[in-house]
Every structure is written in C-alpha cells, then in structure tokens.
Amino acid sequence: MDKCCETVKKPDECCDVKDGKHGWDCRYRQILWVILLINAGMFFVELGSGIYSGSQSLLADAIDFFGDAANYGISLYVLNKSVNWRAGASMLKGGTMGLFGLWLIGSIIYKAIFAEVPKAEVMGVVGFVALLANVICAALLYKYRNGDSNRESVWICSRNDAIGNIAVMLAAAGVFASGTKWPDLLVASIMASLALHGALRIIKKARTELTVS
C-alpha cells in the first residue's frame, strides 16, 4: 500500500480524496512522477539539440525542463507534509524560477552581441516534440491547478512550458523566414518574462500561506 493511503480511513478510496484536507492524493502523486520523468527526459533532448543548433530559446527551455523536474521532485517530497512545508517549498520554487528569469535576461544580452543564426529546422522539430510533452503534462495537471501555492506552482510551471514551446516553434519559423537570430532571442525574452511573473505569483501566495499558518 502507498504510504499516502495510510492516513486515509478508507485506503481503497485513497485516490478519490478530493476534500483538500491533506492537499494531495495518490493519483496526484502518480501524475507528479510521470511528469517528472517527462521533464527530465526532455531536458537532455533540448540540451543536446540546443547546443547543436545554437538556439538560445531551446537552451532556455532545456534549463526550464531541468528546473521543473527538480521542482516536481520537491513537490513529491512535501506532498503529505504541513502547509508550512509546502509553502516553504513553493518559496524555493518561486526563487528558482526568478533566478532562471534573471539568468535568461543576461544570456539574451550576451547572445544578442555574439550569437550566430541558429538552425531553424532543429528548433522547429524539437520545439514540436517539447510542446507535445508539455501538453500531456498540462492535461494531466489541469484538474489539480487550484489549491495551495505548491499545487499552483506545479500548474504554472507546466502552463508556462506549453506557452514557451509554441513560442519556440514561432521563433523557428521566424528564423527560417528572416535568416536572423532575432526571433530566437525574442522568444527567449518572452520565456524570461513568464518565469519572472510566475515566480512573483508563487512567492506572493506562499508568503500569504506562511503568514496565515
């Protein structure tokens, strides 16, 4: 029996717990494991393809996949812990997202000066594969998008990734059509702004939860 079921009076109904009392259930735990593995796999795919193609947006998305995989691991660890533990984990995840956004802004400035034109065809193919992966993750998480800051942070990560992958594909088309690096850098800028906005939202809600508790 999964440990999560041990705190439920009716273990056979463990995965149907929806009252929000515990802030989690067995099915949610299973979903987190699935999307953790998806994100970890896509990190290696996009890291290799980003280096090969010279695409800043693919490398940015690869780092985002890595951060998400780590965040899902943190979410699994605090899933059945107190509100303070979950809010603290949300603060950590929000801070990570914020640092990612700041790093990306600096990297964009550097690439604007020194980067060459990336390989648009590689960007397009990998961006489409990443989009499929994130749509699957977002669909699995949709019913769990509301709740405490920890659950909301997981949903925000997945949603931002799907939006970012659509932008990567648009950037690939722009690079192909214009023969310049600017569409790629524009997409990286959008991803940086999403990361910073999501980080502020998560941290604000987590601070509220810590104050109330």
N, C-alpha and C. Protein backbone atom coordinates (compact mmCIF):
# COMPACT_ATOMS: atom_id res chain seq x y z
N MET A 1 0.84 -1.20 0.00
CA MET A 1 0.00 0.00 0.00
C MET A 1 0.87 1.25 0.00
N ASP A 2 0.53 2.25 -0.78
CA ASP A 2 1.27 3.50 -0.80
C ASP A 2 1.14 4.19 0.56
N LYS A 3 2.21 4.81 1.05
CA LYS A 3 2.17 5.47 2.34
C LYS A 3 1.10 6.53 2.41
N CYS A 4 0.78 7.12 1.25
CA CYS A 4 -0.22 8.18 1.27
C CYS A 4 -1.57 7.65 1.68
N CYS A 5 -1.81 6.36 1.49
CA CYS A 5 -3.10 5.78 1.83
C CYS A 5 -3.23 5.49 3.32
N GLU A 6 -2.10 5.47 4.03
CA GLU A 6 -2.14 5.06 5.43
C GLU A 6 -2.84 6.08 6.31
N THR A 7 -2.91 7.34 5.86
CA THR A 7 -3.55 8.36 6.67
C THR A 7 -5.02 8.52 6.33
N VAL A 8 -5.51 7.74 5.38
CA VAL A 8 -6.91 7.82 4.96
C VAL A 8 -7.68 6.67 5.57
N LYS A 9 -8.86 6.95 6.12
CA LYS A 9 -9.64 5.93 6.81
C LYS A 9 -10.07 4.81 5.88
N LYS A 10 -10.30 5.11 4.62
CA LYS A 10 -10.70 4.10 3.64
C LYS A 10 -9.64 4.01 2.57
N PRO A 11 -8.63 3.16 2.77
CA PRO A 11 -7.49 3.09 1.85
C PRO A 11 -7.90 2.82 0.42
N ASP A 12 -8.98 2.05 0.22
CA ASP A 12 -9.37 1.73 -1.15
C ASP A 12 -9.91 2.93 -1.89
N GLU A 13 -10.24 3.99 -1.14
CA GLU A 13 -10.74 5.21 -1.76
C GLU A 13 -9.68 6.31 -1.72
N CYS A 14 -8.45 5.91 -1.40
CA CYS A 14 -7.36 6.88 -1.22
C CYS A 14 -7.23 7.82 -2.40
N CYS A 15 -7.30 7.28 -3.59
CA CYS A 15 -7.08 8.10 -4.78
C CYS A 15 -8.29 8.92 -5.16
N ASP A 16 -9.33 8.88 -4.36
CA ASP A 16 -10.51 9.69 -4.63
C ASP A 16 -10.67 10.81 -3.61
N VAL A 17 -9.64 11.01 -2.76
CA VAL A 17 -9.70 12.06 -1.77
C VAL A 17 -9.69 13.41 -2.49
N LYS A 18 -10.74 14.21 -2.32
CA LYS A 18 -10.84 15.47 -3.04
C LYS A 18 -11.25 16.64 -2.14
N ASP A 19 -11.26 16.38 -0.82
CA ASP A 19 -11.73 17.44 0.08
C ASP A 19 -10.66 18.49 0.35
N GLY A 20 -9.43 18.25 -0.12
CA GLY A 20 -8.36 19.22 0.05
C GLY A 20 -7.79 19.24 1.45
N LYS A 21 -8.28 18.37 2.35
CA LYS A 21 -7.80 18.36 3.73
C LYS A 21 -6.32 18.06 3.81
N HIS A 22 -5.88 17.09 3.03
CA HIS A 22 -4.48 16.71 3.04
C HIS A 22 -3.68 17.47 1.98
N GLY A 23 -4.37 18.09 1.02
CA GLY A 23 -3.68 18.82 -0.04
C GLY A 23 -3.08 17.93 -1.10
N TRP A 24 -3.42 16.63 -1.10
CA TRP A 24 -2.82 15.72 -2.07
C TRP A 24 -3.63 14.44 -2.11
N ASP A 25 -3.40 13.60 -3.06
CA ASP A 25 -3.96 12.26 -3.10
C ASP A 25 -3.03 11.36 -3.91
N CYS A 26 -3.34 10.07 -3.93
CA CYS A 26 -2.43 9.12 -4.58
C CYS A 26 -2.33 9.36 -6.07
N ARG A 27 -3.44 9.69 -6.70
CA ARG A 27 -3.41 9.90 -8.15
C ARG A 27 -2.53 11.10 -8.50
N TYR A 28 -2.60 12.13 -7.69
CA TYR A 28 -1.76 13.31 -7.92
C TYR A 28 -0.29 12.94 -7.78
N ARG A 29 0.04 12.11 -6.80
CA ARG A 29 1.41 11.65 -6.63
C ARG A 29 1.90 10.90 -7.87
N GLN A 30 1.05 10.03 -8.41
CA GLN A 30 1.41 9.27 -9.61
C GLN A 30 1.64 10.19 -10.80
N ILE A 31 0.78 11.21 -10.92
CA ILE A 31 0.91 12.16 -12.02
C ILE A 31 2.22 12.94 -11.90
N LEU A 32 2.57 13.34 -10.68
CA LEU A 32 3.83 14.06 -10.49
C LEU A 32 5.03 13.22 -10.92
N TRP A 33 5.01 11.93 -10.62
CA TRP A 33 6.11 11.06 -11.05
C TRP A 33 6.20 10.99 -12.57
N VAL A 34 5.06 10.89 -13.23
CA VAL A 34 5.04 10.82 -14.69
C VAL A 34 5.62 12.09 -15.30
N ILE A 35 5.16 13.25 -14.84
CA ILE A 35 5.63 14.49 -15.45
C ILE A 35 7.07 14.80 -15.05
N LEU A 36 7.51 14.32 -13.89
CA LEU A 36 8.92 14.47 -13.52
C LEU A 36 9.81 13.75 -14.53
N LEU A 37 9.45 12.51 -14.86
CA LEU A 37 10.24 11.73 -15.82
C LEU A 37 10.19 12.35 -17.21
N ILE A 38 9.03 12.86 -17.61
CA ILE A 38 8.91 13.52 -18.92
C ILE A 38 9.83 14.74 -18.98
N ASN A 39 9.81 15.56 -17.93
CA ASN A 39 10.63 16.77 -17.92
C ASN A 39 12.12 16.46 -17.88
N ALA A 40 12.50 15.43 -17.11
CA ALA A 40 13.91 15.06 -17.05
C ALA A 40 14.40 14.58 -18.42
N GLY A 41 13.58 13.79 -19.12
CA GLY A 41 13.95 13.31 -20.44
C GLY A 41 14.07 14.44 -21.45
N MET A 42 13.12 15.38 -21.41
CA MET A 42 13.14 16.49 -22.35
C MET A 42 14.29 17.45 -22.07
N PHE A 43 14.76 17.51 -20.84
CA PHE A 43 15.94 18.34 -20.54
C PHE A 43 17.13 17.89 -21.38
N PHE A 44 17.39 16.59 -21.41
CA PHE A 44 18.53 16.07 -22.16
C PHE A 44 18.33 16.24 -23.67
N VAL A 45 17.10 16.05 -24.13
CA VAL A 45 16.80 16.22 -25.56
C VAL A 45 17.07 17.66 -25.99
N GLU A 46 16.54 18.62 -25.23
CA GLU A 46 16.68 20.02 -25.63
C GLU A 46 18.09 20.56 -25.37
N LEU A 47 18.74 20.05 -24.35
CA LEU A 47 20.12 20.49 -24.10
C LEU A 47 21.02 20.13 -25.29
N GLY A 48 20.93 18.88 -25.73
CA GLY A 48 21.74 18.45 -26.87
C GLY A 48 21.37 19.17 -28.15
N SER A 49 20.08 19.30 -28.40
CA SER A 49 19.65 19.96 -29.64
C SER A 49 19.91 21.46 -29.60
N GLY A 50 19.83 22.06 -28.41
CA GLY A 50 20.11 23.49 -28.29
C GLY A 50 21.56 23.80 -28.57
N ILE A 51 22.46 22.96 -28.04
CA ILE A 51 23.89 23.15 -28.30
C ILE A 51 24.20 22.93 -29.78
N TYR A 52 23.59 21.88 -30.35
CA TYR A 52 23.85 21.57 -31.76
C TYR A 52 23.34 22.66 -32.69
N SER A 53 22.14 23.17 -32.40
CA SER A 53 21.52 24.15 -33.30
C SER A 53 21.95 25.57 -33.02
N GLY A 54 22.51 25.83 -31.84
CA GLY A 54 22.88 27.20 -31.49
C GLY A 54 21.68 28.05 -31.10
N SER A 55 20.58 27.40 -30.69
CA SER A 55 19.35 28.12 -30.36
C SER A 55 19.31 28.50 -28.89
N GLN A 56 19.20 29.78 -28.61
CA GLN A 56 19.09 30.26 -27.24
C GLN A 56 17.75 29.87 -26.62
N SER A 57 16.70 29.89 -27.42
CA SER A 57 15.39 29.55 -26.87
C SER A 57 15.31 28.06 -26.50
N LEU A 58 15.95 27.19 -27.28
CA LEU A 58 15.97 25.77 -26.93
C LEU A 58 16.78 25.52 -25.67
N LEU A 59 17.92 26.18 -25.53
CA LEU A 59 18.71 26.04 -24.31
C LEU A 59 17.95 26.57 -23.11
N ALA A 60 17.26 27.68 -23.29
CA ALA A 60 16.46 28.23 -22.20
C ALA A 60 15.36 27.26 -21.80
N ASP A 61 14.74 26.65 -22.78
CA ASP A 61 13.67 25.69 -22.49
C ASP A 61 14.23 24.43 -21.83
N ALA A 62 15.45 24.04 -22.23
CA ALA A 62 16.09 22.88 -21.61
C ALA A 62 16.33 23.13 -20.12
N ILE A 63 16.83 24.30 -19.79
CA ILE A 63 17.06 24.64 -18.39
C ILE A 63 15.74 24.70 -17.63
N ASP A 64 14.70 25.18 -18.31
CA ASP A 64 13.38 25.23 -17.71
C ASP A 64 12.87 23.82 -17.41
N PHE A 65 13.09 22.88 -18.35
CA PHE A 65 12.71 21.49 -18.11
C PHE A 65 13.45 20.92 -16.90
N PHE A 66 14.75 21.23 -16.79
CA PHE A 66 15.53 20.75 -15.65
C PHE A 66 14.99 21.32 -14.34
N GLY A 67 14.70 22.63 -14.35
CA GLY A 67 14.15 23.25 -13.15
C GLY A 67 12.81 22.67 -12.76
N ASP A 68 11.97 22.39 -13.77
CA ASP A 68 10.67 21.81 -13.49
C ASP A 68 10.79 20.40 -12.90
N ALA A 69 11.71 19.60 -13.46
CA ALA A 69 11.92 18.25 -12.93
C ALA A 69 12.33 18.31 -11.46
N ALA A 70 13.23 19.24 -11.14
CA ALA A 70 13.65 19.41 -9.75
C ALA A 70 12.48 19.88 -8.89
N ASN A 71 11.67 20.79 -9.43
CA ASN A 71 10.52 21.30 -8.68
C ASN A 71 9.49 20.22 -8.41
N TYR A 72 9.26 19.35 -9.40
CA TYR A 72 8.31 18.26 -9.19
C TYR A 72 8.83 17.29 -8.13
N GLY A 73 10.15 17.09 -8.11
CA GLY A 73 10.74 16.25 -7.08
C GLY A 73 10.51 16.85 -5.69
N ILE A 74 10.68 18.16 -5.57
CA ILE A 74 10.42 18.85 -4.30
C ILE A 74 8.95 18.70 -3.92
N SER A 75 8.06 18.87 -4.91
CA SER A 75 6.62 18.74 -4.65
C SER A 75 6.28 17.35 -4.14
N LEU A 76 6.90 16.33 -4.70
CA LEU A 76 6.66 14.96 -4.23
C LEU A 76 7.12 14.80 -2.79
N TYR A 77 8.24 15.42 -2.44
CA TYR A 77 8.78 15.27 -1.09
C TYR A 77 7.86 15.90 -0.04
N VAL A 78 7.26 17.05 -0.36
CA VAL A 78 6.45 17.76 0.64
C VAL A 78 4.96 17.49 0.47
N LEU A 79 4.60 16.55 -0.39
CA LEU A 79 3.20 16.35 -0.77
C LEU A 79 2.29 16.09 0.43
N ASN A 80 2.74 15.28 1.39
CA ASN A 80 1.90 14.94 2.54
C ASN A 80 2.36 15.61 3.82
N LYS A 81 3.11 16.72 3.67
CA LYS A 81 3.59 17.46 4.83
C LYS A 81 2.68 18.65 5.13
N SER A 82 3.02 19.40 6.15
CA SER A 82 2.18 20.50 6.61
C SER A 82 2.16 21.65 5.60
N VAL A 83 1.23 22.59 5.84
CA VAL A 83 1.12 23.77 4.98
C VAL A 83 2.42 24.56 4.98
N ASN A 84 3.07 24.66 6.15
CA ASN A 84 4.33 25.40 6.23
C ASN A 84 5.41 24.77 5.35
N TRP A 85 5.49 23.44 5.35
CA TRP A 85 6.46 22.75 4.50
C TRP A 85 6.15 23.02 3.03
N ARG A 86 4.88 22.91 2.64
CA ARG A 86 4.52 23.11 1.23
C ARG A 86 4.74 24.55 0.80
N ALA A 87 4.40 25.49 1.70
CA ALA A 87 4.61 26.90 1.37
C ALA A 87 6.11 27.21 1.26
N GLY A 88 6.91 26.60 2.15
CA GLY A 88 8.36 26.79 2.07
C GLY A 88 8.93 26.26 0.77
N ALA A 89 8.42 25.09 0.34
CA ALA A 89 8.85 24.54 -0.95
C ALA A 89 8.46 25.46 -2.09
N SER A 90 7.29 26.06 -1.98
CA SER A 90 6.84 27.00 -3.02
C SER A 90 7.74 28.22 -3.08
N MET A 91 8.19 28.70 -1.91
CA MET A 91 9.12 29.83 -1.89
C MET A 91 10.41 29.46 -2.61
N LEU A 92 10.90 28.23 -2.37
CA LEU A 92 12.11 27.77 -3.04
C LEU A 92 11.91 27.70 -4.54
N LYS A 93 10.77 27.15 -4.96
CA LYS A 93 10.50 27.05 -6.40
C LYS A 93 10.32 28.42 -7.04
N GLY A 94 9.65 29.33 -6.33
CA GLY A 94 9.48 30.68 -6.86
C GLY A 94 10.82 31.38 -7.01
N GLY A 95 11.70 31.21 -6.02
CA GLY A 95 13.02 31.80 -6.11
C GLY A 95 13.83 31.23 -7.26
N THR A 96 13.70 29.90 -7.48
CA THR A 96 14.40 29.26 -8.60
C THR A 96 13.92 29.81 -9.93
N MET A 97 12.60 29.94 -10.08
CA MET A 97 12.04 30.49 -11.32
C MET A 97 12.53 31.92 -11.55
N GLY A 98 12.60 32.70 -10.47
CA GLY A 98 13.06 34.08 -10.59
C GLY A 98 14.51 34.16 -11.03
N LEU A 99 15.36 33.31 -10.44
CA LEU A 99 16.77 33.28 -10.84
C LEU A 99 16.92 32.85 -12.29
N PHE A 100 16.10 31.89 -12.72
CA PHE A 100 16.12 31.46 -14.11
C PHE A 100 15.80 32.63 -15.04
N GLY A 101 14.78 33.40 -14.67
CA GLY A 101 14.40 34.54 -15.50
C GLY A 101 15.50 35.58 -15.58
N LEU A 102 16.15 35.86 -14.45
CA LEU A 102 17.24 36.84 -14.44
C LEU A 102 18.44 36.35 -15.24
N TRP A 103 18.76 35.05 -15.09
CA TRP A 103 19.87 34.48 -15.87
C TRP A 103 19.60 34.59 -17.36
N LEU A 104 18.34 34.33 -17.73
CA LEU A 104 17.98 34.35 -19.14
C LEU A 104 18.10 35.75 -19.73
N ILE A 105 17.74 36.75 -18.95
CA ILE A 105 17.86 38.12 -19.43
C ILE A 105 19.32 38.45 -19.73
N GLY A 106 20.22 38.07 -18.82
CA GLY A 106 21.64 38.31 -19.05
C GLY A 106 22.16 37.54 -20.25
N SER A 107 21.69 36.30 -20.41
CA SER A 107 22.13 35.48 -21.53
C SER A 107 21.64 36.05 -22.86
N ILE A 108 20.44 36.60 -22.86
CA ILE A 108 19.89 37.19 -24.09
C ILE A 108 20.76 38.36 -24.53
N ILE A 109 21.16 39.18 -23.58
CA ILE A 109 22.02 40.33 -23.91
C ILE A 109 23.33 39.84 -24.52
N TYR A 110 23.91 38.81 -23.93
CA TYR A 110 25.17 38.26 -24.45
C TYR A 110 24.98 37.71 -25.85
N LYS A 111 23.91 36.92 -26.04
CA LYS A 111 23.67 36.30 -27.34
C LYS A 111 23.35 37.33 -28.42
N ALA A 112 22.73 38.43 -28.02
CA ALA A 112 22.42 39.48 -29.00
C ALA A 112 23.69 40.05 -29.62
N ILE A 113 24.77 39.99 -28.86
CA ILE A 113 26.04 40.55 -29.34
C ILE A 113 26.88 39.50 -30.07
N PHE A 114 26.91 38.28 -29.54
CA PHE A 114 27.88 37.30 -30.04
C PHE A 114 27.27 36.10 -30.79
N ALA A 115 25.96 35.87 -30.66
CA ALA A 115 25.39 34.63 -31.20
C ALA A 115 25.30 34.64 -32.73
N GLU A 116 25.37 33.45 -33.32
CA GLU A 116 25.15 33.28 -34.74
C GLU A 116 23.69 32.88 -34.97
N VAL A 117 23.28 32.80 -36.23
CA VAL A 117 21.91 32.42 -36.56
C VAL A 117 21.72 30.93 -36.25
N PRO A 118 20.72 30.57 -35.44
CA PRO A 118 20.51 29.16 -35.08
C PRO A 118 19.90 28.37 -36.22
N LYS A 119 19.94 27.02 -36.12
CA LYS A 119 19.36 26.14 -37.13
C LYS A 119 17.84 26.04 -36.92
N ALA A 120 17.09 26.69 -37.80
CA ALA A 120 15.65 26.79 -37.64
C ALA A 120 14.96 25.44 -37.69
N GLU A 121 15.44 24.52 -38.56
CA GLU A 121 14.76 23.23 -38.70
C GLU A 121 14.85 22.40 -37.43
N VAL A 122 15.98 22.48 -36.75
CA VAL A 122 16.13 21.75 -35.48
C VAL A 122 15.23 22.37 -34.42
N MET A 123 15.18 23.68 -34.38
CA MET A 123 14.31 24.38 -33.43
C MET A 123 12.85 23.96 -33.61
N GLY A 124 12.41 23.89 -34.87
CA GLY A 124 11.02 23.56 -35.15
C GLY A 124 10.65 22.16 -34.71
N VAL A 125 11.48 21.18 -35.06
CA VAL A 125 11.19 19.78 -34.74
C VAL A 125 11.21 19.54 -33.24
N VAL A 126 12.28 20.00 -32.58
CA VAL A 126 12.40 19.78 -31.13
C VAL A 126 11.34 20.58 -30.38
N GLY A 127 11.05 21.78 -30.86
CA GLY A 127 10.00 22.57 -30.23
C GLY A 127 8.66 21.88 -30.28
N PHE A 128 8.36 21.20 -31.39
CA PHE A 128 7.10 20.48 -31.52
C PHE A 128 7.05 19.29 -30.57
N VAL A 129 8.15 18.56 -30.47
CA VAL A 129 8.22 17.42 -29.54
C VAL A 129 8.04 17.90 -28.10
N ALA A 130 8.70 19.00 -27.76
CA ALA A 130 8.58 19.55 -26.41
C ALA A 130 7.16 20.02 -26.14
N LEU A 131 6.51 20.60 -27.15
CA LEU A 131 5.13 21.04 -26.99
C LEU A 131 4.22 19.86 -26.68
N LEU A 132 4.37 18.76 -27.40
CA LEU A 132 3.57 17.56 -27.13
C LEU A 132 3.78 17.09 -25.69
N ALA A 133 5.04 17.09 -25.25
CA ALA A 133 5.34 16.64 -23.89
C ALA A 133 4.66 17.53 -22.86
N ASN A 134 4.71 18.84 -23.08
CA ASN A 134 4.13 19.76 -22.11
C ASN A 134 2.60 19.79 -22.16
N VAL A 135 2.03 19.57 -23.32
CA VAL A 135 0.56 19.48 -23.41
C VAL A 135 0.07 18.27 -22.62
N ILE A 136 0.79 17.16 -22.72
CA ILE A 136 0.44 15.97 -21.94
C ILE A 136 0.52 16.28 -20.44
N CYS A 137 1.59 16.94 -20.02
CA CYS A 137 1.75 17.30 -18.61
C CYS A 137 0.64 18.24 -18.15
N ALA A 138 0.35 19.25 -18.97
CA ALA A 138 -0.68 20.22 -18.60
C ALA A 138 -2.05 19.56 -18.50
N ALA A 139 -2.34 18.63 -19.42
CA ALA A 139 -3.62 17.92 -19.39
C ALA A 139 -3.75 17.07 -18.12
N LEU A 140 -2.65 16.43 -17.73
CA LEU A 140 -2.67 15.61 -16.51
C LEU A 140 -2.87 16.47 -15.26
N LEU A 141 -2.34 17.68 -15.28
CA LEU A 141 -2.38 18.54 -14.10
C LEU A 141 -3.59 19.47 -14.05
N TYR A 142 -4.38 19.53 -15.10
CA TYR A 142 -5.43 20.56 -15.21
C TYR A 142 -6.40 20.53 -14.03
N LYS A 143 -6.85 19.36 -13.63
CA LYS A 143 -7.82 19.27 -12.54
C LYS A 143 -7.21 19.61 -11.19
N TYR A 144 -5.87 19.68 -11.13
CA TYR A 144 -5.19 19.99 -9.88
C TYR A 144 -4.61 21.41 -9.88
N ARG A 145 -5.09 22.25 -10.80
CA ARG A 145 -4.49 23.57 -10.96
C ARG A 145 -4.82 24.52 -9.80
N ASN A 146 -5.88 24.25 -9.06
CA ASN A 146 -6.25 25.09 -7.92
C ASN A 146 -5.87 24.40 -6.62
N GLY A 147 -5.67 25.19 -5.57
CA GLY A 147 -5.28 24.63 -4.29
C GLY A 147 -4.24 25.51 -3.63
N ASP A 148 -3.34 24.89 -2.86
CA ASP A 148 -2.32 25.68 -2.18
C ASP A 148 -1.26 26.14 -3.17
N SER A 149 -0.31 26.93 -2.66
CA SER A 149 0.71 27.51 -3.55
C SER A 149 1.57 26.43 -4.20
N ASN A 150 1.75 25.31 -3.51
CA ASN A 150 2.58 24.25 -4.07
C ASN A 150 1.93 23.64 -5.31
N ARG A 151 0.63 23.34 -5.22
CA ARG A 151 -0.09 22.82 -6.39
C ARG A 151 -0.13 23.85 -7.51
N GLU A 152 -0.40 25.09 -7.13
CA GLU A 152 -0.50 26.13 -8.17
C GLU A 152 0.84 26.33 -8.86
N SER A 153 1.94 26.21 -8.11
CA SER A 153 3.26 26.39 -8.73
C SER A 153 3.54 25.30 -9.75
N VAL A 154 3.09 24.07 -9.46
CA VAL A 154 3.27 22.97 -10.41
C VAL A 154 2.50 23.25 -11.69
N TRP A 155 1.27 23.72 -11.55
CA TRP A 155 0.44 24.03 -12.72
C TRP A 155 1.04 25.18 -13.52
N ILE A 156 1.52 26.23 -12.84
CA ILE A 156 2.11 27.38 -13.53
C ILE A 156 3.32 26.95 -14.35
N CYS A 157 4.17 26.10 -13.75
CA CYS A 157 5.35 25.61 -14.48
C CYS A 157 4.95 24.92 -15.77
N SER A 158 3.97 24.02 -15.68
CA SER A 158 3.54 23.26 -16.86
C SER A 158 2.90 24.16 -17.90
N ARG A 159 2.06 25.08 -17.45
CA ARG A 159 1.39 26.00 -18.38
C ARG A 159 2.41 26.88 -19.10
N ASN A 160 3.36 27.44 -18.35
CA ASN A 160 4.38 28.30 -18.96
C ASN A 160 5.21 27.54 -19.98
N ASP A 161 5.49 26.27 -19.69
CA ASP A 161 6.28 25.47 -20.63
C ASP A 161 5.56 25.29 -21.95
N ALA A 162 4.25 24.99 -21.89
CA ALA A 162 3.49 24.81 -23.12
C ALA A 162 3.46 26.10 -23.94
N ILE A 163 3.26 27.23 -23.27
CA ILE A 163 3.28 28.52 -23.97
C ILE A 163 4.65 28.77 -24.59
N GLY A 164 5.70 28.46 -23.83
CA GLY A 164 7.05 28.66 -24.32
C GLY A 164 7.37 27.83 -25.54
N ASN A 165 6.87 26.59 -25.58
CA ASN A 165 7.14 25.73 -26.73
C ASN A 165 6.45 26.22 -28.00
N ILE A 166 5.25 26.75 -27.85
CA ILE A 166 4.57 27.36 -29.01
C ILE A 166 5.41 28.53 -29.53
N ALA A 167 5.94 29.31 -28.59
CA ALA A 167 6.78 30.45 -28.98
C ALA A 167 8.06 29.99 -29.67
N VAL A 168 8.65 28.87 -29.20
CA VAL A 168 9.86 28.34 -29.84
C VAL A 168 9.58 27.97 -31.29
N MET A 169 8.43 27.36 -31.55
CA MET A 169 8.08 26.98 -32.91
C MET A 169 7.88 28.21 -33.78
N LEU A 170 7.26 29.25 -33.21
CA LEU A 170 7.09 30.51 -33.96
C LEU A 170 8.46 31.14 -34.23
N ALA A 171 9.36 31.03 -33.26
CA ALA A 171 10.71 31.56 -33.45
C ALA A 171 11.43 30.83 -34.56
N ALA A 172 11.25 29.50 -34.61
CA ALA A 172 11.88 28.71 -35.67
C ALA A 172 11.41 29.19 -37.04
N ALA A 173 10.10 29.44 -37.15
CA ALA A 173 9.56 29.94 -38.42
C ALA A 173 10.13 31.33 -38.74
N GLY A 174 10.27 32.15 -37.69
CA GLY A 174 10.81 33.49 -37.90
C GLY A 174 12.27 33.47 -38.32
N VAL A 175 13.05 32.59 -37.68
CA VAL A 175 14.47 32.46 -38.05
C VAL A 175 14.61 31.98 -39.48
N PHE A 176 13.79 31.00 -39.84
CA PHE A 176 13.83 30.44 -41.20
C PHE A 176 13.47 31.51 -42.23
N ALA A 177 12.43 32.30 -41.93
CA ALA A 177 11.96 33.30 -42.89
C ALA A 177 12.89 34.50 -43.00
N SER A 178 13.47 34.92 -41.87
CA SER A 178 14.28 36.14 -41.87
C SER A 178 15.78 35.88 -42.02
N GLY A 179 16.21 34.68 -41.67
CA GLY A 179 17.63 34.38 -41.71
C GLY A 179 18.43 35.11 -40.64
N THR A 180 17.75 35.53 -39.57
CA THR A 180 18.42 36.25 -38.47
C THR A 180 18.17 35.54 -37.15
N LYS A 181 18.90 35.95 -36.12
CA LYS A 181 18.77 35.36 -34.78
C LYS A 181 17.71 36.03 -33.93
N TRP A 182 17.15 37.15 -34.39
CA TRP A 182 16.29 37.96 -33.53
C TRP A 182 14.99 37.27 -33.11
N PRO A 183 14.34 36.49 -33.96
CA PRO A 183 13.15 35.78 -33.47
C PRO A 183 13.46 34.83 -32.31
N ASP A 184 14.63 34.18 -32.37
CA ASP A 184 15.04 33.27 -31.31
C ASP A 184 15.24 34.04 -30.00
N LEU A 185 15.88 35.19 -30.08
CA LEU A 185 16.12 35.99 -28.88
C LEU A 185 14.83 36.60 -28.34
N LEU A 186 13.89 36.91 -29.23
CA LEU A 186 12.60 37.44 -28.80
C LEU A 186 11.85 36.40 -27.97
N VAL A 187 11.87 35.16 -28.43
CA VAL A 187 11.21 34.09 -27.69
C VAL A 187 11.86 33.90 -26.33
N ALA A 188 13.18 33.93 -26.28
CA ALA A 188 13.88 33.81 -25.01
C ALA A 188 13.47 34.92 -24.05
N SER A 189 13.23 36.11 -24.59
CA SER A 189 12.78 37.24 -23.76
C SER A 189 11.39 36.97 -23.19
N ILE A 190 10.51 36.41 -24.01
CA ILE A 190 9.16 36.07 -23.54
C ILE A 190 9.23 35.03 -22.42
N MET A 191 10.09 34.03 -22.59
CA MET A 191 10.24 33.00 -21.57
C MET A 191 10.79 33.57 -20.27
N ALA A 192 11.68 34.55 -20.37
CA ALA A 192 12.21 35.20 -19.18
C ALA A 192 11.12 35.95 -18.43
N SER A 193 10.26 36.64 -19.18
CA SER A 193 9.18 37.39 -18.53
C SER A 193 8.16 36.45 -17.89
N LEU A 194 7.88 35.32 -18.52
CA LEU A 194 6.97 34.32 -17.93
C LEU A 194 7.54 33.77 -16.63
N ALA A 195 8.83 33.49 -16.63
CA ALA A 195 9.47 32.96 -15.43
C ALA A 195 9.40 33.95 -14.28
N LEU A 196 9.68 35.22 -14.56
CA LEU A 196 9.65 36.24 -13.51
C LEU A 196 8.23 36.48 -13.00
N HIS A 197 7.26 36.52 -13.90
CA HIS A 197 5.87 36.71 -13.48
C HIS A 197 5.38 35.53 -12.65
N GLY A 198 5.68 34.31 -13.10
CA GLY A 198 5.27 33.13 -12.35
C GLY A 198 5.93 33.08 -10.98
N ALA A 199 7.21 33.47 -10.91
CA ALA A 199 7.93 33.46 -9.64
C ALA A 199 7.29 34.41 -8.64
N LEU A 200 6.95 35.62 -9.08
CA LEU A 200 6.33 36.59 -8.19
C LEU A 200 4.97 36.11 -7.69
N ARG A 201 4.21 35.48 -8.56
CA ARG A 201 2.88 34.98 -8.19
C ARG A 201 3.00 33.87 -7.14
N ILE A 202 3.92 32.94 -7.35
CA ILE A 202 4.10 31.82 -6.42
C ILE A 202 4.59 32.31 -5.06
N ILE A 203 5.59 33.19 -5.06
CA ILE A 203 6.16 33.70 -3.81
C ILE A 203 5.11 34.48 -3.03
N LYS A 204 4.30 35.28 -3.71
CA LYS A 204 3.27 36.07 -3.04
C LYS A 204 2.27 35.17 -2.33
N LYS A 205 1.82 34.12 -3.02
CA LYS A 205 0.84 33.23 -2.40
C LYS A 205 1.46 32.43 -1.27
N ALA A 206 2.71 31.98 -1.44
CA ALA A 206 3.39 31.21 -0.40
C ALA A 206 3.59 32.06 0.86
N ARG A 207 3.93 33.33 0.70
CA ARG A 207 4.11 34.22 1.85
C ARG A 207 2.80 34.40 2.59
N THR A 208 1.70 34.49 1.86
CA THR A 208 0.38 34.61 2.48
C THR A 208 0.06 33.38 3.31
N GLU A 209 0.36 32.19 2.77
CA GLU A 209 0.12 30.94 3.48
C GLU A 209 0.97 30.83 4.74
N LEU A 210 2.22 31.28 4.67
CA LEU A 210 3.09 31.23 5.84
C LEU A 210 2.60 32.20 6.91
N THR A 211 2.08 33.34 6.50
CA THR A 211 1.57 34.33 7.45
C THR A 211 0.31 33.83 8.17
N VAL A 212 -0.59 33.23 7.36
CA VAL A 212 -1.86 32.73 7.92
C VAL A 212 -1.62 31.57 8.88
N SER A 213 -0.70 30.65 8.48
CA SER A 213 -0.45 29.47 9.31
C SER A 213 0.34 29.81 10.56
